[in-house]
Amino acid sequence: MKKVRVRFAPSPTGGLHLGGVRTALYNYLFAKKHKGDFILRIEDTDQSRYVEGAEQYIVECLAWCGIQPNEGPHQEGEYGPYRQSKRKDLYKKYAEELVQKGHAYYAFDTPEEIESLREKLKSEGKSNLQYGYHVRYDMRNSLSLPAAETEALLKINFPHVIRIKIEPNEIIQFKDMIRGDMEMDTNNIDDKVLLKADGMPTYHLAVVVDDYLMKITHVFRGEEWLPSAPVHILLWKYFGWKNRMPEWAHFPLILKPDGNGKLSKRDGERLGIPVFPMQWKDAAGDTLKGFKELGFLPEAFINMLALLGWNDGTEQEIFSLNELIAKFSIERVHASGAKFDYEKAKWFNHEWIKKSMGNGQWAIVKNIMEDAGIKIDDDEKLKKIIELVKDRCTLLTDFLHQSSFFFKAPQTIDTASIQPKWNEKKNQFFVELIRSYQLINQWQHDDLEKTFKEIAAASQIKSGDVLLPFRIMLVGAKYGPGVFDIASVLGKDETIKRIEHGLTLLNNKS
C-alpha cells in the first residue's frame, strides 16, 4: 500500500480561522492514524492578497495546537519548496502542456472586455454569466482567433491567461469519503483561469500539480471547495494522472452559534467570542484575542475542535491527542455543519484544567501570575494552590483571580458584607482566635478548623456565622477554596496579620 500523505494548504491572507485549524487537525489525525505524513504547503499564488506575518502566524498556531507538520516551509523535505510562490517556474510548462493537448487555451481578453461580456449576457436575461463553452468563441482567445494571430500575440507577449477548456454535457462522477457518490454537470462549470497574466498559477492549477508532485494520497478540505472538485478531477484526467489521483473528502462548515450560516470573524466580534486559535491583528489594526490569550489549554482547544463535526460513536467527550489519533476516522465526520458553542468550549477547557494541572501545566499558571506582576518564589507552594483552586477555574486566566490573594494581601476588603451583622461578640471571637492561632503548634487544615470551632463553641457562636468574615479577611471577598486550606497555605504570620487588618477596618480603627 502507498504511504498516506496529506496536506494542509492555507493561504497567508489573514488570521487562521477555526475552520482552517480543524481542517489541519483532521488531516493530521488521519496521517498519524495511518502512520503517514502531514505536509504544510503555503498557497501564496495570489500575491495581491498576501498579508505580512500571516504565514508565521499559521506556523505558530499549528505549533501551539501540537499538530506539527512532517514537511513544510520551516521543515523542508524532498518535495519542496513548500511555498507556491517559490515554485512559480514549475507551473507554466504544465499549463502549456494542457494547451498542446487541446485541454486549455490562451485568452487575450482584457478585464474590460470580460466585464462587457457579463453586462451583455445580463441584459439578455442570461443566468450563466461565466466565461465558458457558450461564449468562448465570441471572445479573443486561441480557439476563436486564427492560429497566425494567436502566434503573433504570443510573440509580442501580449497580456494573456491560460484557461482550461471544459467540455459541455459531461457528468463528472467521484466519491467523497464523507458525502458518498457525487455527480456534477460540466454545463455549470466555467473555463477557469489556470495561469494568470503575471505567470503565477491560480489555485486550480497549482493545487493539482503540487498534489501530484508531492505524492498526496488524500485531499481533505472544506466544503467551500466542493464546486471546484470537478475542475480538479478533470485536470488529473487531462494530465494523464488519473491513476494517481488522491481520494477526496470535503468537511462541513463550522456554523454560527444560532446555526444560521458560517461562523466568521465578524460574528466573533459581534458575539464577543474567539474565532482564531491565537491573537491576530487584522488589516484595520484591531487586535483580536484568540483562544490561547483568553486562557485555553491547547489540549482543550483541539479536543473541542475535533468534536465539532466528528465523534467516535460513543458518549466519550474528553480525548487526548493520542486518543484522537487512535480513534479518528474520516467516515465518522459529519456531512452537515456543526454549531460552534463557546460555553461548551469553556466546558472542555474546565475539564482539561482539572485533568492536566498536575502534569506540568502549572508552569503556564506561573507565567500568567508573573505577567500580572506577582512574583512566584516557591513552585511547590504554587502547585499546592493550583490543586486547591483548579476546580474553580474555567479559563487559565481565572487562576489569577482565584490565586493572587495567596501571594499578596488583597488591596480591598469587602467589609460591607460583614458590617451589618458585626458585633462585639464576633470581634472578641477573632481576638481569641488570634491568641489561639499564635500558640498553635501544627499549622494544618484540621488543627486550624478544630481550634476555630472550639473557640466558636466557647463563645456561643455558630461556626457558620464567623466563617464568612474569616474568609473575607483572608481573601478580601466571598470566593476561594476552603477557608482552612487558605489559612494553611498562607501560614501563621500572614493569616494572623490579615485577621488583625480586618478587625482594624471593621472597628473603624486606623
Protein backbone atom coordinates (compact mmCIF):
# COMPACT_ATOMS: atom_id res chain seq x y z
CA MET A 1 0.00 0.00 0.00
CA LYS A 2 1.20 3.52 -0.78
CA LYS A 3 2.16 5.67 2.16
CA VAL A 4 -0.53 8.12 3.28
CA ARG A 5 0.43 11.71 2.55
CA VAL A 6 -1.96 14.56 3.31
CA ARG A 7 -1.51 18.32 3.21
CA PHE A 8 -2.90 21.43 4.82
CA ALA A 9 -2.62 24.24 2.30
CA PRO A 10 -3.70 27.62 3.75
CA SER A 11 -3.32 31.00 2.05
CA PRO A 12 -1.40 33.64 4.07
CA THR A 13 -4.15 36.21 3.63
CA GLY A 14 -5.14 36.74 7.27
CA GLY A 15 -5.72 35.03 10.59
CA LEU A 16 -6.20 31.28 10.71
CA HIS A 17 -9.91 30.71 11.33
CA LEU A 18 -11.35 27.88 13.46
CA GLY A 19 -12.43 26.06 10.32
CA GLY A 20 -8.90 26.15 8.95
CA VAL A 21 -7.43 24.76 12.16
CA ARG A 22 -9.99 21.95 12.16
CA THR A 23 -9.05 21.10 8.56
CA ALA A 24 -5.40 20.92 9.62
CA LEU A 25 -6.31 18.83 12.67
CA TYR A 26 -8.36 16.26 10.73
CA ASN A 27 -5.58 15.94 8.15
CA TYR A 28 -3.03 15.47 10.94
CA LEU A 29 -5.13 12.87 12.78
CA PHE A 30 -5.69 10.88 9.60
CA ALA A 31 -1.98 10.94 8.72
CA LYS A 32 -0.86 9.85 12.18
CA LYS A 33 -3.57 7.17 12.40
CA HIS A 34 -2.19 5.61 9.21
CA LYS A 35 1.48 6.28 10.03
CA GLY A 36 1.69 8.75 7.16
CA ASP A 37 2.98 12.27 6.56
CA PHE A 38 1.29 15.60 7.26
CA ILE A 39 2.52 18.39 4.97
CA LEU A 40 2.11 22.14 5.34
CA ARG A 41 2.06 23.94 1.99
CA ILE A 42 1.63 27.70 1.76
CA GLU A 43 -0.60 28.64 -1.18
CA ASP A 44 0.52 32.20 -1.82
CA THR A 45 -0.07 32.48 -5.56
CA ASP A 46 -2.41 35.44 -5.09
CA GLN A 47 0.23 37.99 -4.14
CA SER A 48 -2.31 40.84 -4.13
CA ARG A 49 -3.93 39.32 -1.01
CA TYR A 50 -0.71 38.37 0.78
CA VAL A 51 -0.57 39.62 4.38
CA GLU A 52 2.79 40.12 6.07
CA GLY A 53 3.17 37.87 9.10
CA ALA A 54 0.28 35.57 8.19
CA GLU A 55 2.50 32.61 7.29
CA GLN A 56 4.43 32.79 10.55
CA TYR A 57 1.13 33.08 12.40
CA ILE A 58 -0.09 29.86 10.75
CA VAL A 59 3.11 28.04 11.74
CA GLU A 60 2.87 29.28 15.34
CA CYS A 61 -0.80 28.29 15.61
CA LEU A 62 -0.09 24.74 14.46
CA ALA A 63 2.81 24.52 16.91
CA TRP A 64 0.62 25.71 19.80
CA CYS A 65 -2.01 23.13 18.88
CA GLY A 66 0.62 20.38 18.82
CA ILE A 67 -0.01 19.41 15.20
CA GLN A 68 3.44 19.80 13.73
CA PRO A 69 3.93 19.04 10.02
CA ASN A 70 6.45 16.45 8.83
CA GLU A 71 7.29 18.73 5.91
CA GLY A 72 6.72 22.40 5.20
CA PRO A 73 8.35 25.80 4.71
CA HIS A 74 10.04 25.50 8.10
CA GLN A 75 10.59 21.74 7.92
CA GLU A 76 11.98 21.14 4.44
CA GLY A 77 11.66 17.72 2.84
CA GLU A 78 12.38 16.12 -0.51
CA TYR A 79 9.25 17.57 -2.19
CA GLY A 80 9.93 21.26 -1.53
CA PRO A 81 9.85 24.13 -1.83
CA TYR A 82 6.60 24.32 0.13
CA ARG A 83 5.59 27.86 -0.81
CA GLN A 84 3.86 28.04 -4.17
CA SER A 85 5.44 31.40 -4.96
CA LYS A 86 8.81 29.61 -4.88
CA ARG A 87 7.51 27.02 -7.37
CA LYS A 88 6.35 29.54 -9.97
CA ASP A 89 8.58 28.21 -12.78
CA LEU A 90 7.07 24.74 -12.43
CA TYR A 91 3.54 25.66 -13.37
CA LYS A 92 3.89 27.31 -16.77
CA LYS A 93 5.13 24.16 -18.50
CA TYR A 94 2.16 22.21 -17.17
CA ALA A 95 -0.29 24.88 -18.36
CA GLU A 96 1.40 24.88 -21.79
CA GLU A 97 1.20 21.10 -21.87
CA LEU A 98 -2.58 21.30 -21.49
CA VAL A 99 -2.76 23.80 -24.36
CA GLN A 100 -0.78 21.41 -26.59
CA LYS A 101 -3.13 18.57 -25.65
CA GLY A 102 -6.20 20.66 -26.53
CA HIS A 103 -7.45 20.85 -22.94
CA ALA A 104 -6.62 24.54 -22.43
CA TYR A 105 -6.24 27.71 -24.49
CA TYR A 106 -4.74 31.19 -24.48
CA ALA A 107 -7.18 34.00 -23.72
CA PHE A 108 -6.24 37.59 -24.61
CA ASP A 109 -9.39 39.31 -23.34
CA THR A 110 -8.89 42.44 -21.26
CA PRO A 111 -10.72 42.80 -17.94
CA GLU A 112 -12.91 45.44 -19.59
CA GLU A 113 -13.89 43.04 -22.38
CA ILE A 114 -14.83 40.34 -19.87
CA GLU A 115 -16.90 42.79 -17.88
CA SER A 116 -18.59 43.94 -21.09
CA LEU A 117 -19.44 40.31 -21.85
CA ARG A 118 -21.06 39.87 -18.45
CA GLU A 119 -23.11 43.04 -18.88
CA LYS A 120 -24.25 41.89 -22.32
CA LEU A 121 -25.32 38.47 -21.02
CA LYS A 122 -27.07 40.13 -18.11
CA SER A 123 -29.00 42.48 -20.39
CA GLU A 124 -30.10 39.47 -22.45
CA GLY A 125 -31.51 37.87 -19.31
CA LYS A 126 -28.96 35.05 -19.28
CA SER A 127 -28.45 33.32 -15.96
CA ASN A 128 -24.97 32.00 -16.79
CA LEU A 129 -22.60 34.99 -16.84
CA GLN A 130 -19.43 32.90 -16.85
CA TYR A 131 -16.67 32.60 -19.42
CA GLY A 132 -17.35 29.11 -20.72
CA TYR A 133 -18.36 26.89 -23.64
CA HIS A 134 -21.36 29.07 -24.58
CA VAL A 135 -19.33 32.28 -25.13
CA ARG A 136 -15.70 31.27 -25.63
CA TYR A 137 -15.88 31.52 -29.44
CA ASP A 138 -17.18 35.10 -29.18
CA MET A 139 -14.13 36.18 -27.18
CA ARG A 140 -10.47 36.84 -28.01
CA ASN A 141 -8.66 33.56 -27.48
CA SER A 142 -6.71 30.91 -29.34
CA LEU A 143 -9.92 28.98 -30.06
CA SER A 144 -11.62 31.87 -31.85
CA LEU A 145 -8.63 33.60 -33.44
CA PRO A 146 -6.69 32.37 -36.48
CA ALA A 147 -3.52 30.48 -35.47
CA ALA A 148 -1.30 33.13 -37.05
CA GLU A 149 -2.89 35.90 -34.99
CA THR A 150 -2.51 33.85 -31.82
CA GLU A 151 1.17 33.29 -32.59
CA ALA A 152 1.69 36.98 -33.28
CA LEU A 153 0.09 37.98 -29.97
CA LEU A 154 2.20 35.46 -28.08
CA LYS A 155 5.34 36.63 -29.86
CA ILE A 156 4.88 40.21 -28.67
CA ASN A 157 3.99 38.88 -25.22
CA PHE A 158 0.51 40.42 -25.34
CA PRO A 159 -1.06 40.04 -21.86
CA HIS A 160 -2.92 36.74 -21.68
CA VAL A 161 -4.05 33.95 -19.40
CA ILE A 162 -4.39 30.23 -19.96
CA ARG A 163 -7.87 28.83 -19.37
CA ILE A 164 -8.98 25.21 -19.02
CA LYS A 165 -11.31 24.09 -21.79
CA ILE A 166 -14.32 22.49 -20.13
CA GLU A 167 -16.29 20.28 -22.49
CA PRO A 168 -20.08 20.70 -22.13
CA ASN A 169 -22.65 17.96 -21.50
CA GLU A 170 -20.44 15.77 -19.33
CA ILE A 171 -21.22 14.40 -15.87
CA ILE A 172 -18.23 14.31 -13.53
CA GLN A 173 -18.55 11.50 -11.00
CA PHE A 174 -16.41 10.99 -7.93
CA LYS A 175 -16.63 9.52 -4.44
CA ASP A 176 -16.36 11.76 -1.42
CA MET A 177 -15.29 9.87 1.72
CA ILE A 178 -17.81 11.86 3.78
CA ARG A 179 -20.64 12.56 1.33
CA GLY A 180 -20.58 9.42 -0.79
CA ASP A 181 -21.10 9.37 -4.56
CA MET A 182 -21.14 12.83 -6.14
CA GLU A 183 -22.16 13.99 -9.64
CA MET A 184 -21.63 17.40 -11.23
CA ASP A 185 -22.61 18.71 -14.66
CA THR A 186 -19.89 20.42 -16.72
CA ASN A 187 -22.51 22.75 -18.19
CA ASN A 188 -22.40 24.57 -14.83
CA ILE A 189 -18.62 24.97 -14.80
CA ASP A 190 -16.77 27.86 -16.43
CA ASP A 191 -13.38 27.82 -18.14
CA LYS A 192 -11.31 28.62 -15.07
CA VAL A 193 -8.08 30.55 -15.44
CA LEU A 194 -5.12 28.24 -14.81
CA LEU A 195 -2.21 30.60 -15.41
CA LYS A 196 -2.53 34.34 -14.80
CA ALA A 197 -1.03 37.10 -16.93
CA ASP A 198 1.80 37.58 -14.42
CA GLY A 199 2.82 33.96 -14.86
CA MET A 200 1.50 32.90 -11.46
CA PRO A 201 -0.82 29.90 -11.37
CA THR A 202 -4.31 30.02 -9.92
CA TYR A 203 -5.25 27.69 -7.11
CA HIS A 204 -6.81 25.23 -9.56
CA LEU A 205 -3.62 24.54 -11.49
CA ALA A 206 -1.18 24.81 -8.60
CA VAL A 207 -3.10 22.55 -6.25
CA VAL A 208 -3.28 19.70 -8.76
CA VAL A 209 0.33 19.99 -9.92
CA ASP A 210 1.62 20.21 -6.35
CA ASP A 211 -0.54 17.35 -5.09
CA TYR A 212 0.81 15.22 -7.94
CA LEU A 213 4.46 16.16 -7.43
CA MET A 214 4.22 15.84 -3.64
CA LYS A 215 2.54 12.42 -3.94
CA ILE A 216 -0.53 13.46 -1.95
CA THR A 217 -2.81 10.45 -1.42
CA HIS A 218 -5.83 12.13 0.21
CA VAL A 219 -7.22 15.64 -0.21
CA PHE A 220 -9.24 16.75 2.80
CA ARG A 221 -10.53 20.33 2.70
CA GLY A 222 -13.54 22.50 3.48
CA GLU A 223 -16.82 22.13 1.63
CA GLU A 224 -16.38 25.57 0.06
CA TRP A 225 -14.03 23.79 -2.39
CA LEU A 226 -16.66 21.25 -3.41
CA PRO A 227 -17.74 23.26 -6.52
CA SER A 228 -14.10 23.26 -7.68
CA ALA A 229 -13.69 19.49 -7.37
CA PRO A 230 -14.84 18.74 -10.97
CA VAL A 231 -12.23 21.14 -12.39
CA HIS A 232 -9.51 19.45 -10.35
CA ILE A 233 -10.70 15.97 -11.32
CA LEU A 234 -10.65 16.98 -14.99
CA LEU A 235 -7.12 18.32 -14.60
CA TRP A 236 -5.98 14.99 -13.14
CA LYS A 237 -7.58 13.32 -16.15
CA TYR A 238 -6.23 15.78 -18.75
CA PHE A 239 -2.68 15.44 -17.42
CA GLY A 240 -2.96 11.67 -17.65
CA TRP A 241 -2.55 11.24 -13.90
CA LYS A 242 -5.94 9.76 -13.06
CA ASN A 243 -4.42 6.59 -11.62
CA ARG A 244 -2.52 8.81 -9.14
CA MET A 245 -5.50 10.96 -8.20
CA PRO A 246 -5.99 11.29 -4.43
CA GLU A 247 -9.14 10.35 -2.55
CA TRP A 248 -11.42 13.23 -1.63
CA ALA A 249 -13.28 14.44 1.44
CA HIS A 250 -14.93 17.84 1.97
CA PHE A 251 -15.50 18.89 5.58
CA PRO A 252 -18.70 20.65 6.66
CA LEU A 253 -18.83 24.27 7.77
CA ILE A 254 -18.46 25.47 11.34
CA LEU A 255 -21.68 27.38 11.90
CA LYS A 256 -22.63 30.41 13.97
CA PRO A 257 -23.94 29.59 17.47
CA ASP A 258 -27.51 30.02 16.20
CA GLY A 259 -26.74 27.67 13.29
CA ASN A 260 -27.56 30.32 10.71
CA GLY A 261 -24.60 30.40 8.32
CA LYS A 262 -20.83 30.06 8.53
CA LEU A 263 -19.04 31.39 11.63
CA SER A 264 -16.96 34.40 10.58
CA LYS A 265 -14.54 36.89 12.11
CA ARG A 266 -17.36 39.42 12.16
CA ASP A 267 -19.51 37.02 14.22
CA GLY A 268 -16.67 36.72 16.70
CA GLU A 269 -16.55 40.49 17.10
CA ARG A 270 -20.35 40.74 17.29
CA LEU A 271 -20.80 37.96 19.85
CA GLY A 272 -17.60 38.53 21.80
CA ILE A 273 -16.29 35.03 21.15
CA PRO A 274 -12.92 33.92 19.74
CA VAL A 275 -12.67 32.57 16.20
CA PHE A 276 -8.86 32.39 15.98
CA PRO A 277 -6.60 30.00 17.91
CA MET A 278 -4.16 32.77 18.81
CA GLN A 279 -4.18 36.56 18.89
CA TRP A 280 -4.36 38.16 15.46
CA LYS A 281 -4.04 41.80 14.40
CA ASP A 282 -6.28 42.40 11.40
CA ALA A 283 -5.89 44.80 8.47
CA ALA A 284 -7.80 47.51 10.35
CA GLY A 285 -5.23 47.35 13.17
CA ASP A 286 -7.65 45.74 15.63
CA THR A 287 -6.15 43.08 17.87
CA LEU A 288 -8.43 40.06 18.14
CA LYS A 289 -7.79 37.75 21.08
CA GLY A 290 -7.53 34.06 20.38
CA PHE A 291 -8.32 31.00 22.46
CA LYS A 292 -4.75 30.96 23.80
CA GLU A 293 -4.86 34.52 25.16
CA LEU A 294 -8.33 34.00 26.63
CA GLY A 295 -6.97 31.16 28.74
CA PHE A 296 -7.49 27.92 26.83
CA LEU A 297 -5.18 24.94 27.05
CA PRO A 298 -4.17 23.64 23.60
CA GLU A 299 -5.33 20.15 24.63
CA ALA A 300 -8.82 21.51 25.35
CA PHE A 301 -8.88 23.56 22.15
CA ILE A 302 -8.10 20.62 19.84
CA ASN A 303 -10.39 18.32 21.83
CA MET A 304 -13.26 20.77 21.34
CA LEU A 305 -12.38 21.30 17.70
CA ALA A 306 -12.17 17.58 16.89
CA LEU A 307 -15.69 17.02 18.21
CA LEU A 308 -17.03 19.96 16.23
CA GLY A 309 -18.14 17.75 13.35
CA TRP A 310 -16.87 14.30 14.40
CA ASN A 311 -17.42 11.70 17.10
CA ASP A 312 -16.20 8.17 17.69
CA GLY A 313 -19.69 6.72 18.09
CA THR A 314 -19.56 6.63 21.90
CA GLU A 315 -20.51 9.07 24.67
CA GLN A 316 -16.83 9.91 25.32
CA GLU A 317 -16.05 13.62 25.07
CA ILE A 318 -12.61 14.08 26.62
CA PHE A 319 -9.84 12.89 24.29
CA SER A 320 -6.10 13.38 24.41
CA LEU A 321 -4.33 13.95 21.11
CA ASN A 322 -3.11 10.34 21.13
CA GLU A 323 -6.65 9.09 21.76
CA LEU A 324 -7.93 11.22 18.88
CA ILE A 325 -5.28 9.73 16.60
CA ALA A 326 -6.23 6.21 17.62
CA LYS A 327 -9.98 6.70 17.20
CA PHE A 328 -10.25 9.16 14.31
CA SER A 329 -11.89 8.10 11.05
CA ILE A 330 -12.96 10.26 8.12
CA GLU A 331 -16.12 8.18 7.72
CA ARG A 332 -17.41 9.47 11.08
CA VAL A 333 -17.02 13.14 10.11
CA HIS A 334 -20.50 14.61 9.74
CA ALA A 335 -21.70 15.82 6.35
CA SER A 336 -23.76 18.65 7.88
CA GLY A 337 -22.46 21.79 9.58
CA ALA A 338 -21.63 21.93 13.29
CA LYS A 339 -22.71 24.83 15.51
CA PHE A 340 -19.94 26.48 17.50
CA ASP A 341 -20.87 26.68 21.18
CA TYR A 342 -18.49 28.84 23.22
CA GLU A 343 -19.96 27.69 26.52
CA LYS A 344 -19.24 24.09 25.51
CA ALA A 345 -15.72 25.12 24.52
CA LYS A 346 -15.21 26.51 28.02
CA TRP A 347 -16.56 23.26 29.48
CA PHE A 348 -13.85 21.36 27.61
CA ASN A 349 -11.25 23.75 29.00
CA HIS A 350 -12.54 23.36 32.55
CA GLU A 351 -12.31 19.57 32.24
CA TRP A 352 -8.78 19.78 30.87
CA ILE A 353 -7.68 22.18 33.61
CA LYS A 354 -8.87 19.68 36.22
CA LYS A 355 -7.25 16.82 34.32
CA SER A 356 -3.87 18.27 33.39
CA MET A 357 -2.78 20.73 36.05
CA GLY A 358 -0.77 18.05 37.81
CA ASN A 359 1.12 17.15 34.63
CA GLY A 360 3.45 20.08 34.23
CA GLN A 361 0.84 22.60 33.11
CA TRP A 362 1.34 24.52 36.37
CA ALA A 363 4.15 26.41 34.62
CA ILE A 364 1.57 28.10 32.39
CA VAL A 365 -0.17 29.43 35.51
CA LYS A 366 3.18 30.65 36.85
CA ASN A 367 3.70 32.68 33.68
CA ILE A 368 0.20 34.17 33.95
CA MET A 369 0.85 35.19 37.56
CA GLU A 370 4.26 36.69 36.83
CA ASP A 371 2.93 38.55 33.78
CA ALA A 372 0.47 40.18 36.19
CA GLY A 373 3.33 41.28 38.45
CA ILE A 374 3.03 38.51 41.04
CA LYS A 375 6.45 37.01 41.71
CA ILE A 376 6.45 33.27 42.36
CA ASP A 377 9.40 32.19 44.51
CA ASP A 378 8.08 28.83 45.64
CA ASP A 379 6.95 26.46 42.87
CA GLU A 380 5.80 23.81 45.35
CA LYS A 381 3.55 26.35 47.04
CA LEU A 382 2.12 27.29 43.65
CA LYS A 383 1.42 23.63 42.81
CA LYS A 384 -0.41 23.22 46.12
CA ILE A 385 -2.50 26.33 45.42
CA ILE A 386 -3.34 25.17 41.90
CA GLU A 387 -4.66 21.89 43.32
CA LEU A 388 -6.86 23.87 45.71
CA VAL A 389 -8.39 26.21 43.11
CA LYS A 390 -8.32 24.32 39.77
CA ASP A 391 -11.91 23.09 40.09
CA ARG A 392 -12.98 26.74 40.24
CA CYS A 393 -11.15 27.74 37.05
CA THR A 394 -12.80 27.57 33.65
CA LEU A 395 -10.06 29.55 31.90
CA LEU A 396 -6.37 29.69 32.74
CA THR A 397 -6.80 33.40 33.38
CA ASP A 398 -9.18 32.51 36.24
CA PHE A 399 -6.16 31.32 38.23
CA LEU A 400 -5.11 34.94 38.63
CA HIS A 401 -8.37 35.85 40.36
CA GLN A 402 -8.57 32.61 42.31
CA SER A 403 -4.91 32.55 43.43
CA SER A 404 -3.44 36.05 43.63
CA PHE A 405 -4.51 36.59 47.27
CA PHE A 406 -2.22 33.72 48.31
CA PHE A 407 0.80 35.77 47.22
CA LYS A 408 -0.16 39.27 48.24
CA ALA A 409 -2.75 40.59 50.65
CA PRO A 410 -5.93 41.91 48.99
CA GLN A 411 -5.88 45.65 48.40
CA THR A 412 -9.54 45.99 49.38
CA ILE A 413 -11.64 44.10 51.94
CA ASP A 414 -15.38 43.65 51.41
CA THR A 415 -16.28 44.84 54.89
CA ALA A 416 -19.73 45.87 53.62
CA SER A 417 -20.71 42.18 53.54
CA ILE A 418 -19.67 41.75 57.18
CA GLN A 419 -20.64 45.05 58.82
CA PRO A 420 -24.46 44.63 59.02
CA LYS A 421 -24.12 41.58 61.33
CA TRP A 422 -20.91 42.59 63.04
CA ASN A 423 -20.96 42.91 66.83
CA GLU A 424 -18.69 42.88 69.86
CA LYS A 425 -19.22 39.16 70.37
CA LYS A 426 -17.80 38.40 66.93
CA ASN A 427 -15.00 40.88 67.49
CA GLN A 428 -14.00 39.05 70.70
CA PHE A 429 -14.16 35.72 68.86
CA PHE A 430 -11.48 36.88 66.40
CA VAL A 431 -9.37 38.40 69.18
CA GLU A 432 -9.40 34.98 70.86
CA LEU A 433 -8.77 33.23 67.54
CA ILE A 434 -5.63 35.32 67.01
CA ARG A 435 -4.38 34.40 70.51
CA SER A 436 -5.03 30.70 69.95
CA TYR A 437 -3.54 30.64 66.46
CA GLN A 438 -0.37 32.29 67.83
CA LEU A 439 0.02 29.35 70.22
CA ILE A 440 -0.87 26.53 67.84
CA ASN A 441 1.95 24.09 67.07
CA GLN A 442 0.62 22.27 63.98
CA TRP A 443 -0.39 24.74 61.28
CA GLN A 444 -2.50 22.25 59.33
CA HIS A 445 -6.06 22.34 57.94
CA ASP A 446 -7.58 20.00 60.54
CA ASP A 447 -5.89 21.69 63.52
CA LEU A 448 -6.94 25.14 62.30
CA GLU A 449 -10.54 24.04 61.84
CA LYS A 450 -10.67 22.29 65.22
CA THR A 451 -9.35 25.35 67.04
CA PHE A 452 -11.75 27.61 65.15
CA LYS A 453 -14.79 25.50 66.09
CA GLU A 454 -13.72 25.13 69.72
CA ILE A 455 -13.44 28.89 70.15
CA ALA A 456 -16.81 29.40 68.41
CA ALA A 457 -18.45 26.90 70.76
CA ALA A 458 -16.83 28.52 73.78
CA SER A 459 -18.02 31.93 72.57
CA GLN A 460 -21.53 30.56 71.96
CA ILE A 461 -21.32 31.50 68.28
CA LYS A 462 -22.25 29.30 65.36
CA SER A 463 -19.17 28.49 63.28
CA GLY A 464 -21.08 29.41 60.14
CA ASP A 465 -21.64 32.95 61.43
CA VAL A 466 -17.92 33.71 61.60
CA LEU A 467 -16.69 31.65 58.65
CA LEU A 468 -17.68 34.30 56.09
CA PRO A 469 -15.95 37.16 57.95
CA PHE A 470 -12.87 34.93 58.29
CA ARG A 471 -12.86 34.25 54.53
CA ILE A 472 -13.26 37.93 53.66
CA MET A 473 -10.41 38.89 55.99
CA LEU A 474 -8.11 36.39 54.24
CA VAL A 475 -9.28 36.75 50.64
CA GLY A 476 -10.88 40.18 50.51
CA ALA A 477 -14.18 38.86 49.13
CA LYS A 478 -16.63 35.94 49.16
CA TYR A 479 -14.80 33.38 47.00
CA GLY A 480 -11.96 30.88 47.06
CA PRO A 481 -11.41 27.32 48.22
CA GLY A 482 -11.94 26.05 51.79
CA VAL A 483 -11.02 28.78 54.27
CA PHE A 484 -8.82 26.49 56.39
CA ASP A 485 -7.00 25.36 53.26
CA ILE A 486 -6.37 29.05 52.52
CA ALA A 487 -5.06 29.69 56.04
CA SER A 488 -2.82 26.62 55.98
CA VAL A 489 -1.15 27.81 52.77
CA LEU A 490 -0.85 31.44 53.90
CA GLY A 491 0.97 30.39 57.06
CA LYS A 492 0.63 31.55 60.65
CA ASP A 493 2.09 35.04 60.43
CA GLU A 494 0.22 36.09 57.26
CA THR A 495 -3.10 34.65 58.47
CA ILE A 496 -2.89 36.49 61.80
CA LYS A 497 -1.78 39.68 60.06
CA ARG A 498 -4.83 39.60 57.77
CA ILE A 499 -7.24 38.95 60.65
CA GLU A 500 -5.78 41.91 62.55
CA HIS A 501 -6.13 44.13 59.47
CA GLY A 502 -9.75 43.03 59.05
CA LEU A 503 -10.55 43.83 62.67
CA THR A 504 -8.98 47.24 62.32
CA LEU A 505 -11.22 48.05 59.34
CA LEU A 506 -14.36 46.63 60.95
CA ASN A 507 -13.83 48.52 64.18
CA ASN A 508 -13.07 51.76 62.30
CA LYS A 509 -9.54 51.97 63.65
CA SER A 510 -6.79 53.39 61.53
